[in-house]
Amino acid sequence: MLRYVNEFQLLSGDNRNRPRRSRSRPRRSRRSDGEMARATIEEISRLFAAIGITPTLAGLGLPSDRIDWTAELALGIDRLIKNNPRPSYLPAMKRLVKAAYDGDFAGSAI
């Protein structure tokens, strides 16, 4: 779900958990933080594919009738929800889990 969550976070407007360049290193690129975040997401996806991690929850074996159940359980994980800079509500979590199930990266950014 990492790529889907990162896509979701890109719209938050809060930079705390957004993938970005390290502030401790000098900037070596003329790309913006948003462009670097996008490149990081793409590299994570490439790395996962290279080592054989499936990009979808369907590929992991989650039955389609458990998507809503998974979203409901995810909202109950306090440390994930409290540290999330973007408010998490059940409809948004259902869309995120459904996007991760289908492999719909654009759908996770809604």
PDB file of N, CA and C in Angstrom:
ATOM      1  N   MET A   1       0.822  -1.200   0.000  1.00  0.00           N
ATOM      2  CA  MET A   1       0.000   0.000   0.000  1.00  0.00           C
ATOM      3  C   MET A   1       0.861   1.257   0.000  1.00  0.00           C
ATOM      4  N   LEU A   2       2.166   1.126   0.117  1.00  0.00           N
ATOM      5  CA  LEU A   2       3.026   2.291   0.277  1.00  0.00           C
ATOM      6  C   LEU A   2       2.851   3.319  -0.833  1.00  0.00           C
ATOM      7  N   ARG A   3       2.874   2.881  -2.071  1.00  0.00           N
ATOM      8  CA  ARG A   3       2.728   3.857  -3.158  1.00  0.00           C
ATOM      9  C   ARG A   3       1.359   4.543  -3.101  1.00  0.00           C
ATOM     10  N   TYR A   4       0.330   3.804  -2.799  1.00  0.00           N
ATOM     11  CA  TYR A   4      -1.011   4.376  -2.755  1.00  0.00           C
ATOM     12  C   TYR A   4      -1.132   5.414  -1.640  1.00  0.00           C
ATOM     13  N   VAL A   5      -0.556   5.115  -0.489  1.00  0.00           N
ATOM     14  CA  VAL A   5      -0.580   6.060   0.627  1.00  0.00           C
ATOM     15  C   VAL A   5       0.226   7.305   0.268  1.00  0.00           C
ATOM     16  N   ASN A   6       1.381   7.125  -0.363  1.00  0.00           N
ATOM     17  CA  ASN A   6       2.171   8.289  -0.762  1.00  0.00           C
ATOM     18  C   ASN A   6       1.419   9.153  -1.770  1.00  0.00           C
ATOM     19  N   GLU A   7       0.715   8.529  -2.711  1.00  0.00           N
ATOM     20  CA  GLU A   7      -0.098   9.290  -3.664  1.00  0.00           C
ATOM     21  C   GLU A   7      -1.182  10.064  -2.914  1.00  0.00           C
ATOM     22  N   PHE A   8      -1.799   9.420  -1.940  1.00  0.00           N
ATOM     23  CA  PHE A   8      -2.834  10.040  -1.119  1.00  0.00           C
ATOM     24  C   PHE A   8      -2.260  11.249  -0.373  1.00  0.00           C
ATOM     25  N   GLN A   9      -1.048  11.107   0.162  1.00  0.00           N
ATOM     26  CA  GLN A   9      -0.419  12.167   0.947  1.00  0.00           C
ATOM     27  C   GLN A   9       0.002  13.361   0.098  1.00  0.00           C
ATOM     28  N   LEU A  10       0.287  13.158  -1.172  1.00  0.00           N
ATOM     29  CA  LEU A  10       0.717  14.270  -2.009  1.00  0.00           C
ATOM     30  C   LEU A  10      -0.306  15.398  -2.040  1.00  0.00           C
ATOM     31  N   LEU A  11      -1.556  15.069  -1.827  1.00  0.00           N
ATOM     32  CA  LEU A  11      -2.604  16.087  -1.855  1.00  0.00           C
ATOM     33  C   LEU A  11      -2.848  16.734  -0.495  1.00  0.00           C
ATOM     34  N   SER A  12      -2.139  16.302   0.530  1.00  0.00           N
ATOM     35  CA  SER A  12      -2.450  16.769   1.881  1.00  0.00           C
ATOM     36  C   SER A  12      -2.070  18.215   2.119  1.00  0.00           C
ATOM     37  N   GLY A  13      -1.055  18.713   1.444  1.00  0.00           N
ATOM     38  CA  GLY A  13      -0.586  20.070   1.713  1.00  0.00           C
ATOM     39  C   GLY A  13       0.296  20.139   2.939  1.00  0.00           C
ATOM     40  N   ASP A  14       0.442  19.051   3.647  1.00  0.00           N
ATOM     41  CA  ASP A  14       1.295  18.974   4.840  1.00  0.00           C
ATOM     42  C   ASP A  14       2.518  18.168   4.459  1.00  0.00           C
ATOM     43  N   ASN A  15       3.684  18.700   4.678  1.00  0.00           N
ATOM     44  CA  ASN A  15       4.914  18.067   4.217  1.00  0.00           C
ATOM     45  C   ASN A  15       5.523  17.070   5.194  1.00  0.00           C
ATOM     46  N   ARG A  16       4.910  16.844   6.351  1.00  0.00           N
ATOM     47  CA  ARG A  16       5.549  15.987   7.355  1.00  0.00           C
ATOM     48  C   ARG A  16       5.836  14.584   6.873  1.00  0.00           C
ATOM     49  N   ASN A  17       4.886  13.937   6.232  1.00  0.00           N
ATOM     50  CA  ASN A  17       5.064  12.544   5.838  1.00  0.00           C
ATOM     51  C   ASN A  17       5.194  12.364   4.336  1.00  0.00           C
ATOM     52  N   ARG A  18       5.365  13.436   3.631  1.00  0.00           N
ATOM     53  CA  ARG A  18       5.500  13.372   2.181  1.00  0.00           C
ATOM     54  C   ARG A  18       6.918  12.936   1.846  1.00  0.00           C
ATOM     55  N   PRO A  19       7.077  11.992   0.910  1.00  0.00           N
ATOM     56  CA  PRO A  19       8.443  11.625   0.530  1.00  0.00           C
ATOM     57  C   PRO A  19       9.130  12.837  -0.089  1.00  0.00           C
ATOM     58  N   ARG A  20      10.328  13.136   0.346  1.00  0.00           N
ATOM     59  CA  ARG A  20      11.038  14.311  -0.161  1.00  0.00           C
ATOM     60  C   ARG A  20      12.530  14.145   0.043  1.00  0.00           C
ATOM     61  N   ARG A  21      13.258  15.083  -0.516  1.00  0.00           N
ATOM     62  CA  ARG A  21      14.709  15.033  -0.377  1.00  0.00           C
ATOM     63  C   ARG A  21      15.096  15.326   1.066  1.00  0.00           C
ATOM     64  N   SER A  22      16.247  14.864   1.453  1.00  0.00           N
ATOM     65  CA  SER A  22      16.763  15.101   2.795  1.00  0.00           C
ATOM     66  C   SER A  22      17.153  16.566   2.942  1.00  0.00           C
ATOM     67  N   ARG A  23      16.804  17.176   4.048  1.00  0.00           N
ATOM     68  CA  ARG A  23      17.177  18.571   4.312  1.00  0.00           C
ATOM     69  C   ARG A  23      18.630  18.677   4.764  1.00  0.00           C
ATOM     70  N   SER A  24      19.236  17.570   5.154  1.00  0.00           N
ATOM     71  CA  SER A  24      20.605  17.612   5.642  1.00  0.00           C
ATOM     72  C   SER A  24      21.639  17.578   4.520  1.00  0.00           C
ATOM     73  N   ARG A  25      21.209  17.316   3.297  1.00  0.00           N
ATOM     74  CA  ARG A  25      22.114  17.276   2.153  1.00  0.00           C
ATOM     75  C   ARG A  25      21.899  18.491   1.267  1.00  0.00           C
ATOM     76  N   PRO A  26      22.937  18.937   0.628  1.00  0.00           N
ATOM     77  CA  PRO A  26      22.744  20.042  -0.307  1.00  0.00           C
ATOM     78  C   PRO A  26      21.899  19.589  -1.493  1.00  0.00           C
ATOM     79  N   ARG A  27      21.139  20.490  -2.028  1.00  0.00           N
ATOM     80  CA  ARG A  27      20.293  20.192  -3.188  1.00  0.00           C
ATOM     81  C   ARG A  27      21.183  19.940  -4.402  1.00  0.00           C
ATOM     82  N   ARG A  28      20.981  18.786  -5.043  1.00  0.00           N
ATOM     83  CA  ARG A  28      21.738  18.428  -6.234  1.00  0.00           C
ATOM     84  C   ARG A  28      20.864  18.447  -7.469  1.00  0.00           C
ATOM     85  N   SER A  29      19.650  18.786  -7.287  1.00  0.00           N
ATOM     86  CA  SER A  29      18.699  18.755  -8.383  1.00  0.00           C
ATOM     87  C   SER A  29      17.961  20.081  -8.442  1.00  0.00           C
ATOM     88  N   ARG A  30      17.550  20.427  -9.629  1.00  0.00           N
ATOM     89  CA  ARG A  30      16.744  21.638  -9.796  1.00  0.00           C
ATOM     90  C   ARG A  30      15.260  21.322  -9.695  1.00  0.00           C
ATOM     91  N   ARG A  31      14.934  20.068  -9.372  1.00  0.00           N
ATOM     92  CA  ARG A  31      13.532  19.680  -9.261  1.00  0.00           C
ATOM     93  C   ARG A  31      12.952  20.160  -7.943  1.00  0.00           C
ATOM     94  N   SER A  32      11.667  20.458  -7.966  1.00  0.00           N
ATOM     95  CA  SER A  32      10.966  20.899  -6.755  1.00  0.00           C
ATOM     96  C   SER A  32      10.777  19.718  -5.805  1.00  0.00           C
ATOM     97  N   ASP A  33      10.377  20.027  -4.584  1.00  0.00           N
ATOM     98  CA  ASP A  33      10.085  18.954  -3.626  1.00  0.00           C
ATOM     99  C   ASP A  33       8.962  18.072  -4.146  1.00  0.00           C
ATOM    100  N   GLY A  34       7.953  18.659  -4.790  1.00  0.00           N
ATOM    101  CA  GLY A  34       6.861  17.866  -5.354  1.00  0.00           C
ATOM    102  C   GLY A  34       7.354  16.911  -6.436  1.00  0.00           C
ATOM    103  N   GLU A  35       8.252  17.400  -7.292  1.00  0.00           N
ATOM    104  CA  GLU A  35       8.822  16.549  -8.340  1.00  0.00           C
ATOM    105  C   GLU A  35       9.687  15.447  -7.733  1.00  0.00           C
ATOM    106  N   MET A  36      10.418  15.793  -6.694  1.00  0.00           N
ATOM    107  CA  MET A  36      11.240  14.788  -6.014  1.00  0.00           C
ATOM    108  C   MET A  36      10.354  13.752  -5.313  1.00  0.00           C
ATOM    109  N   ALA A  37       9.234  14.199  -4.743  1.00  0.00           N
ATOM    110  CA  ALA A  37       8.293  13.261  -4.111  1.00  0.00           C
ATOM    111  C   ALA A  37       7.757  12.291  -5.149  1.00  0.00           C
ATOM    112  N   ARG A  38       7.371  12.810  -6.309  1.00  0.00           N
ATOM    113  CA  ARG A  38       6.857  11.956  -7.387  1.00  0.00           C
ATOM    114  C   ARG A  38       7.929  10.962  -7.824  1.00  0.00           C
ATOM    115  N   ALA A  39       9.173  11.418  -7.962  1.00  0.00           N
ATOM    116  CA  ALA A  39      10.270  10.530  -8.366  1.00  0.00           C
ATOM    117  C   ALA A  39      10.507   9.449  -7.314  1.00  0.00           C
ATOM    118  N   THR A  40      10.375   9.811  -6.049  1.00  0.00           N
ATOM    119  CA  THR A  40      10.546   8.830  -4.968  1.00  0.00           C
ATOM    120  C   THR A  40       9.471   7.757  -5.049  1.00  0.00           C
ATOM    121  N   ILE A  41       8.230   8.167  -5.263  1.00  0.00           N
ATOM    122  CA  ILE A  41       7.125   7.213  -5.387  1.00  0.00           C
ATOM    123  C   ILE A  41       7.382   6.264  -6.555  1.00  0.00           C
ATOM    124  N   GLU A  42       7.808   6.808  -7.670  1.00  0.00           N
ATOM    125  CA  GLU A  42       8.096   5.973  -8.846  1.00  0.00           C
ATOM    126  C   GLU A  42       9.246   5.000  -8.559  1.00  0.00           C
ATOM    127  N   GLU A  43      10.261   5.458  -7.860  1.00  0.00           N
ATOM    128  CA  GLU A  43      11.398   4.582  -7.549  1.00  0.00           C
ATOM    129  C   GLU A  43      11.001   3.476  -6.578  1.00  0.00           C
ATOM    130  N   ILE A  44      10.154   3.796  -5.613  1.00  0.00           N
ATOM    131  CA  ILE A  44       9.654   2.758  -4.703  1.00  0.00           C
ATOM    132  C   ILE A  44       8.916   1.689  -5.501  1.00  0.00           C
ATOM    133  N   SER A  45       8.082   2.113  -6.431  1.00  0.00           N
ATOM    134  CA  SER A  45       7.342   1.162  -7.268  1.00  0.00           C
ATOM    135  C   SER A  45       8.293   0.305  -8.095  1.00  0.00           C
ATOM    136  N   ARG A  46       9.314   0.932  -8.664  1.00  0.00           N
ATOM    137  CA  ARG A  46      10.298   0.192  -9.464  1.00  0.00           C
ATOM    138  C   ARG A  46      11.029  -0.831  -8.607  1.00  0.00           C
ATOM    139  N   LEU A  47      11.434  -0.423  -7.415  1.00  0.00           N
ATOM    140  CA  LEU A  47      12.146  -1.323  -6.508  1.00  0.00           C
ATOM    141  C   LEU A  47      11.271  -2.506  -6.106  1.00  0.00           C
ATOM    142  N   PHE A  48      10.022  -2.233  -5.738  1.00  0.00           N
ATOM    143  CA  PHE A  48       9.118  -3.313  -5.360  1.00  0.00           C
ATOM    144  C   PHE A  48       8.927  -4.300  -6.513  1.00  0.00           C
ATOM    145  N   ALA A  49       8.782  -3.781  -7.730  1.00  0.00           N
ATOM    146  CA  ALA A  49       8.634  -4.659  -8.901  1.00  0.00           C
ATOM    147  C   ALA A  49       9.897  -5.494  -9.112  1.00  0.00           C
ATOM    148  N   ALA A  50      11.052  -4.885  -8.922  1.00  0.00           N
ATOM    149  CA  ALA A  50      12.324  -5.584  -9.136  1.00  0.00           C
ATOM    150  C   ALA A  50      12.512  -6.749  -8.166  1.00  0.00           C
ATOM    151  N   ILE A  51      11.978  -6.611  -6.956  1.00  0.00           N
ATOM    152  CA  ILE A  51      12.148  -7.689  -5.976  1.00  0.00           C
ATOM    153  C   ILE A  51      10.908  -8.577  -5.862  1.00  0.00           C
ATOM    154  N   GLY A  52       9.922  -8.315  -6.724  1.00  0.00           N
ATOM    155  CA  GLY A  52       8.775  -9.210  -6.818  1.00  0.00           C
ATOM    156  C   GLY A  52       7.629  -8.945  -5.866  1.00  0.00           C
ATOM    157  N   ILE A  53       7.524  -7.738  -5.332  1.00  0.00           N
ATOM    158  CA  ILE A  53       6.397  -7.408  -4.465  1.00  0.00           C
ATOM    159  C   ILE A  53       5.241  -6.957  -5.349  1.00  0.00           C
ATOM    160  N   THR A  54       4.125  -7.622  -5.231  1.00  0.00           N
ATOM    161  CA  THR A  54       2.959  -7.290  -6.046  1.00  0.00           C
ATOM    162  C   THR A  54       2.453  -5.888  -5.725  1.00  0.00           C
ATOM    163  N   PRO A  55       2.022  -5.141  -6.733  1.00  0.00           N
ATOM    164  CA  PRO A  55       1.571  -3.767  -6.489  1.00  0.00           C
ATOM    165  C   PRO A  55       0.113  -3.645  -6.064  1.00  0.00           C
ATOM    166  N   THR A  56      -0.605  -4.753  -5.923  1.00  0.00           N
ATOM    167  CA  THR A  56      -2.025  -4.657  -5.584  1.00  0.00           C
ATOM    168  C   THR A  56      -2.392  -5.547  -4.402  1.00  0.00           C
ATOM    169  N   LEU A  57      -3.452  -5.157  -3.724  1.00  0.00           N
ATOM    170  CA  LEU A  57      -3.979  -6.007  -2.653  1.00  0.00           C
ATOM    171  C   LEU A  57      -4.607  -7.268  -3.229  1.00  0.00           C
ATOM    172  N   ALA A  58      -5.154  -7.167  -4.432  1.00  0.00           N
ATOM    173  CA  ALA A  58      -5.689  -8.368  -5.094  1.00  0.00           C
ATOM    174  C   ALA A  58      -4.564  -9.370  -5.306  1.00  0.00           C
ATOM    175  N   GLY A  59      -3.405  -8.887  -5.727  1.00  0.00           N
ATOM    176  CA  GLY A  59      -2.251  -9.756  -5.947  1.00  0.00           C
ATOM    177  C   GLY A  59      -1.747 -10.407  -4.667  1.00  0.00           C
ATOM    178  N   LEU A  60      -2.021  -9.763  -3.540  1.00  0.00           N
ATOM    179  CA  LEU A  60      -1.651 -10.341  -2.243  1.00  0.00           C
ATOM    180  C   LEU A  60      -2.683 -11.342  -1.745  1.00  0.00           C
ATOM    181  N   GLY A  61      -3.817 -11.420  -2.463  1.00  0.00           N
ATOM    182  CA  GLY A  61      -4.828 -12.413  -2.101  1.00  0.00           C
ATOM    183  C   GLY A  61      -6.008 -11.887  -1.309  1.00  0.00           C
ATOM    184  N   LEU A  62      -6.130 -10.567  -1.164  1.00  0.00           N
ATOM    185  CA  LEU A  62      -7.287 -10.033  -0.453  1.00  0.00           C
ATOM    186  C   LEU A  62      -8.544 -10.277  -1.281  1.00  0.00           C
ATOM    187  N   PRO A  63      -9.545 -10.937  -0.710  1.00  0.00           N
ATOM    188  CA  PRO A  63     -10.796 -11.137  -1.453  1.00  0.00           C
ATOM    189  C   PRO A  63     -11.507  -9.794  -1.648  1.00  0.00           C
ATOM    190  N   SER A  64     -12.163  -9.624  -2.782  1.00  0.00           N
ATOM    191  CA  SER A  64     -12.816  -8.345  -3.080  1.00  0.00           C
ATOM    192  C   SER A  64     -13.919  -8.001  -2.078  1.00  0.00           C
ATOM    193  N   ASP A  65     -14.524  -9.004  -1.469  1.00  0.00           N
ATOM    194  CA  ASP A  65     -15.582  -8.719  -0.501  1.00  0.00           C
ATOM    195  C   ASP A  65     -15.040  -8.281   0.859  1.00  0.00           C
ATOM    196  N   ARG A  66     -13.713  -8.175   0.986  1.00  0.00           N
ATOM    197  CA  ARG A  66     -13.088  -7.732   2.244  1.00  0.00           C
ATOM    198  C   ARG A  66     -12.496  -6.316   2.135  1.00  0.00           C
ATOM    199  N   ILE A  67     -12.736  -5.626   1.018  1.00  0.00           N
ATOM    200  CA  ILE A  67     -12.181  -4.277   0.840  1.00  0.00           C
ATOM    201  C   ILE A  67     -12.721  -3.322   1.901  1.00  0.00           C
ATOM    202  N   ASP A  68     -14.025  -3.253   2.068  1.00  0.00           N
ATOM    203  CA  ASP A  68     -14.611  -2.349   3.068  1.00  0.00           C
ATOM    204  C   ASP A  68     -14.175  -2.729   4.476  1.00  0.00           C
ATOM    205  N   TRP A  69     -14.140  -4.008   4.762  1.00  0.00           N
ATOM    206  CA  TRP A  69     -13.690  -4.504   6.076  1.00  0.00           C
ATOM    207  C   TRP A  69     -12.254  -4.062   6.340  1.00  0.00           C
ATOM    208  N   THR A  70     -11.403  -4.167   5.330  1.00  0.00           N
ATOM    209  CA  THR A  70      -9.999  -3.759   5.468  1.00  0.00           C
ATOM    210  C   THR A  70      -9.907  -2.263   5.756  1.00  0.00           C
ATOM    211  N   ALA A  71     -10.701  -1.462   5.051  1.00  0.00           N
ATOM    212  CA  ALA A  71     -10.707  -0.014   5.277  1.00  0.00           C
ATOM    213  C   ALA A  71     -11.152   0.319   6.699  1.00  0.00           C
ATOM    214  N   GLU A  72     -12.171  -0.368   7.182  1.00  0.00           N
ATOM    215  CA  GLU A  72     -12.663  -0.132   8.540  1.00  0.00           C
ATOM    216  C   GLU A  72     -11.594  -0.483   9.573  1.00  0.00           C
ATOM    217  N   LEU A  73     -10.914  -1.592   9.376  1.00  0.00           N
ATOM    218  CA  LEU A  73      -9.842  -1.973  10.299  1.00  0.00           C
ATOM    219  C   LEU A  73      -8.677  -0.985  10.251  1.00  0.00           C
ATOM    220  N   ALA A  74      -8.355  -0.509   9.048  1.00  0.00           N
ATOM    221  CA  ALA A  74      -7.246   0.440   8.908  1.00  0.00           C
ATOM    222  C   ALA A  74      -7.496   1.712   9.710  1.00  0.00           C
ATOM    223  N   LEU A  75      -8.737   2.165   9.749  1.00  0.00           N
ATOM    224  CA  LEU A  75      -9.061   3.362  10.523  1.00  0.00           C
ATOM    225  C   LEU A  75      -8.893   3.142  12.026  1.00  0.00           C
ATOM    226  N   GLY A  76      -8.867   1.900  12.440  1.00  0.00           N
ATOM    227  CA  GLY A  76      -8.699   1.585  13.854  1.00  0.00           C
ATOM    228  C   GLY A  76      -7.249   1.514  14.300  1.00  0.00           C
ATOM    229  N   ILE A  77      -6.315   1.669  13.395  1.00  0.00           N
ATOM    230  CA  ILE A  77      -4.892   1.615  13.750  1.00  0.00           C
ATOM    231  C   ILE A  77      -4.464   3.026  14.134  1.00  0.00           C
ATOM    232  N   ASP A  78      -4.538   3.321  15.423  1.00  0.00           N
ATOM    233  CA  ASP A  78      -4.337   4.681  15.920  1.00  0.00           C
ATOM    234  C   ASP A  78      -3.029   5.325  15.475  1.00  0.00           C
ATOM    235  N   ARG A  79      -1.921   4.618  15.547  1.00  0.00           N
ATOM    236  CA  ARG A  79      -0.645   5.247  15.223  1.00  0.00           C
ATOM    237  C   ARG A  79      -0.582   5.683  13.769  1.00  0.00           C
ATOM    238  N   LEU A  80      -1.249   4.963  12.882  1.00  0.00           N
ATOM    239  CA  LEU A  80      -1.263   5.365  11.477  1.00  0.00           C
ATOM    240  C   LEU A  80      -2.172   6.571  11.260  1.00  0.00           C
ATOM    241  N   ILE A  81      -3.300   6.566  11.912  1.00  0.00           N
ATOM    242  CA  ILE A  81      -4.274   7.636  11.724  1.00  0.00           C
ATOM    243  C   ILE A  81      -3.809   8.922  12.396  1.00  0.00           C
ATOM    244  N   LYS A  82      -3.262   8.829  13.589  1.00  0.00           N
ATOM    245  CA  LYS A  82      -2.805  10.021  14.306  1.00  0.00           C
ATOM    246  C   LYS A  82      -1.630  10.698  13.602  1.00  0.00           C
ATOM    247  N   ASN A  83      -0.775   9.930  12.962  1.00  0.00           N
ATOM    248  CA  ASN A  83       0.396  10.490  12.288  1.00  0.00           C
ATOM    249  C   ASN A  83       0.117  10.906  10.850  1.00  0.00           C
ATOM    250  N   ASN A  84      -1.097  10.728  10.416  1.00  0.00           N
ATOM    251  CA  ASN A  84      -1.457  11.049   9.043  1.00  0.00           C
ATOM    252  C   ASN A  84      -1.779  12.533   8.934  1.00  0.00           C
ATOM    253  N   PRO A  85      -1.063  13.272   8.084  1.00  0.00           N
ATOM    254  CA  PRO A  85      -1.340  14.705   7.959  1.00  0.00           C
ATOM    255  C   PRO A  85      -2.644  15.007   7.240  1.00  0.00           C
ATOM    256  N   ARG A  86      -3.176  14.051   6.531  1.00  0.00           N
ATOM    257  CA  ARG A  86      -4.445  14.244   5.815  1.00  0.00           C
ATOM    258  C   ARG A  86      -5.536  13.528   6.599  1.00  0.00           C
ATOM    259  N   PRO A  87      -6.636  14.207   6.925  1.00  0.00           N
ATOM    260  CA  PRO A  87      -7.700  13.556   7.685  1.00  0.00           C
ATOM    261  C   PRO A  87      -8.165  12.270   6.996  1.00  0.00           C
ATOM    262  N   SER A  88      -8.406  11.254   7.795  1.00  0.00           N
ATOM    263  CA  SER A  88      -8.844   9.963   7.263  1.00  0.00           C
ATOM    264  C   SER A  88     -10.253   9.668   7.735  1.00  0.00           C
ATOM    265  N   TYR A  89     -11.135   9.546   6.772  1.00  0.00           N
ATOM    266  CA  TYR A  89     -12.519   9.202   7.038  1.00  0.00           C
ATOM    267  C   TYR A  89     -12.820   7.921   6.286  1.00  0.00           C
ATOM    268  N   LEU A  90     -13.847   7.219   6.716  1.00  0.00           N
ATOM    269  CA  LEU A  90     -14.165   5.927   6.129  1.00  0.00           C
ATOM    270  C   LEU A  90     -14.351   5.982   4.608  1.00  0.00           C
ATOM    271  N   PRO A  91     -15.084   6.934   4.062  1.00  0.00           N
ATOM    272  CA  PRO A  91     -15.214   6.947   2.589  1.00  0.00           C
ATOM    273  C   PRO A  91     -13.861   7.099   1.872  1.00  0.00           C
ATOM    274  N   ALA A  92     -12.997   7.967   2.403  1.00  0.00           N
ATOM    275  CA  ALA A  92     -11.680   8.150   1.787  1.00  0.00           C
ATOM    276  C   ALA A  92     -10.829   6.892   1.940  1.00  0.00           C
ATOM    277  N   MET A  93     -10.908   6.239   3.105  1.00  0.00           N
ATOM    278  CA  MET A  93     -10.126   5.021   3.325  1.00  0.00           C
ATOM    279  C   MET A  93     -10.621   3.904   2.417  1.00  0.00           C
ATOM    280  N   LYS A  94     -11.927   3.826   2.221  1.00  0.00           N
ATOM    281  CA  LYS A  94     -12.469   2.815   1.305  1.00  0.00           C
ATOM    282  C   LYS A  94     -11.954   3.045  -0.114  1.00  0.00           C
ATOM    283  N   ARG A  95     -11.912   4.313  -0.555  1.00  0.00           N
ATOM    284  CA  ARG A  95     -11.389   4.612  -1.890  1.00  0.00           C
ATOM    285  C   ARG A  95      -9.912   4.251  -1.998  1.00  0.00           C
ATOM    286  N   LEU A  96      -9.147   4.535  -0.926  1.00  0.00           N
ATOM    287  CA  LEU A  96      -7.719   4.227  -0.922  1.00  0.00           C
ATOM    288  C   LEU A  96      -7.489   2.718  -1.001  1.00  0.00           C
ATOM    289  N   VAL A  97      -8.196   1.953  -0.197  1.00  0.00           N
ATOM    290  CA  VAL A  97      -8.045   0.497  -0.199  1.00  0.00           C
ATOM    291  C   VAL A  97      -8.517  -0.083  -1.533  1.00  0.00           C
ATOM    292  N   LYS A  98      -9.608   0.435  -2.067  1.00  0.00           N
ATOM    293  CA  LYS A  98     -10.099  -0.027  -3.375  1.00  0.00           C
ATOM    294  C   LYS A  98      -9.075   0.267  -4.470  1.00  0.00           C
ATOM    295  N   ALA A  99      -8.470   1.443  -4.426  1.00  0.00           N
ATOM    296  CA  ALA A  99      -7.431   1.790  -5.406  1.00  0.00           C
ATOM    297  C   ALA A  99      -6.249   0.836  -5.282  1.00  0.00           C
ATOM    298  N   ALA A 100      -5.858   0.521  -4.056  1.00  0.00           N
ATOM    299  CA  ALA A 100      -4.748  -0.414  -3.837  1.00  0.00           C
ATOM    300  C   ALA A 100      -5.128  -1.825  -4.275  1.00  0.00           C
ATOM    301  N   TYR A 101      -6.376  -2.167  -4.149  1.00  0.00           N
ATOM    302  CA  TYR A 101      -6.846  -3.475  -4.605  1.00  0.00           C
ATOM    303  C   TYR A 101      -6.778  -3.565  -6.135  1.00  0.00           C
ATOM    304  N   ASP A 102      -7.231  -2.507  -6.792  1.00  0.00           N
ATOM    305  CA  ASP A 102      -7.312  -2.490  -8.259  1.00  0.00           C
ATOM    306  C   ASP A 102      -6.013  -2.116  -8.946  1.00  0.00           C
ATOM    307  N   GLY A 103      -5.064  -1.539  -8.214  1.00  0.00           N
ATOM    308  CA  GLY A 103      -3.855  -1.046  -8.850  1.00  0.00           C
ATOM    309  C   GLY A 103      -4.066   0.304  -9.507  1.00  0.00           C
ATOM    310  N   ASP A 104      -4.987   1.082  -8.974  1.00  0.00           N
ATOM    311  CA  ASP A 104      -5.362   2.376  -9.522  1.00  0.00           C
ATOM    312  C   ASP A 104      -4.646   3.492  -8.762  1.00  0.00           C
ATOM    313  N   PHE A 105      -3.421   3.826  -9.218  1.00  0.00           N
ATOM    314  CA  PHE A 105      -2.640   4.841  -8.515  1.00  0.00           C
ATOM    315  C   PHE A 105      -3.328   6.204  -8.530  1.00  0.00           C
ATOM    316  N   ALA A 106      -3.941   6.558  -9.636  1.00  0.00           N
ATOM    317  CA  ALA A 106      -4.636   7.842  -9.716  1.00  0.00           C
ATOM    318  C   ALA A 106      -5.811   7.874  -8.750  1.00  0.00           C
ATOM    319  N   GLY A 107      -6.498   6.757  -8.583  1.00  0.00           N
ATOM    320  CA  GLY A 107      -7.639   6.692  -7.676  1.00  0.00           C
ATOM    321  C   GLY A 107      -7.255   6.859  -6.227  1.00  0.00           C
ATOM    322  N   SER A 108      -6.016   6.551  -5.869  1.00  0.00           N
ATOM    323  CA  SER A 108      -5.586   6.691  -4.483  1.00  0.00           C
ATOM    324  C   SER A 108      -5.315   8.142  -4.118  1.00  0.00           C
ATOM    325  N   ALA A 109      -5.189   9.009  -5.104  1.00  0.00           N
ATOM    326  CA  ALA A 109      -4.897  10.415  -4.851  1.00  0.00           C
ATOM    327  C   ALA A 109      -6.156  11.256  -4.687  1.00  0.00           C
ATOM    328  N   ILE A 110      -7.322  10.633  -4.740  1.00  0.00           N
ATOM    329  CA  ILE A 110      -8.586  11.370  -4.625  1.00  0.00           C
ATOM    330  C   ILE A 110      -8.759  11.879  -3.216  1.00  0.00           C
TER     331      ILE A 110
END
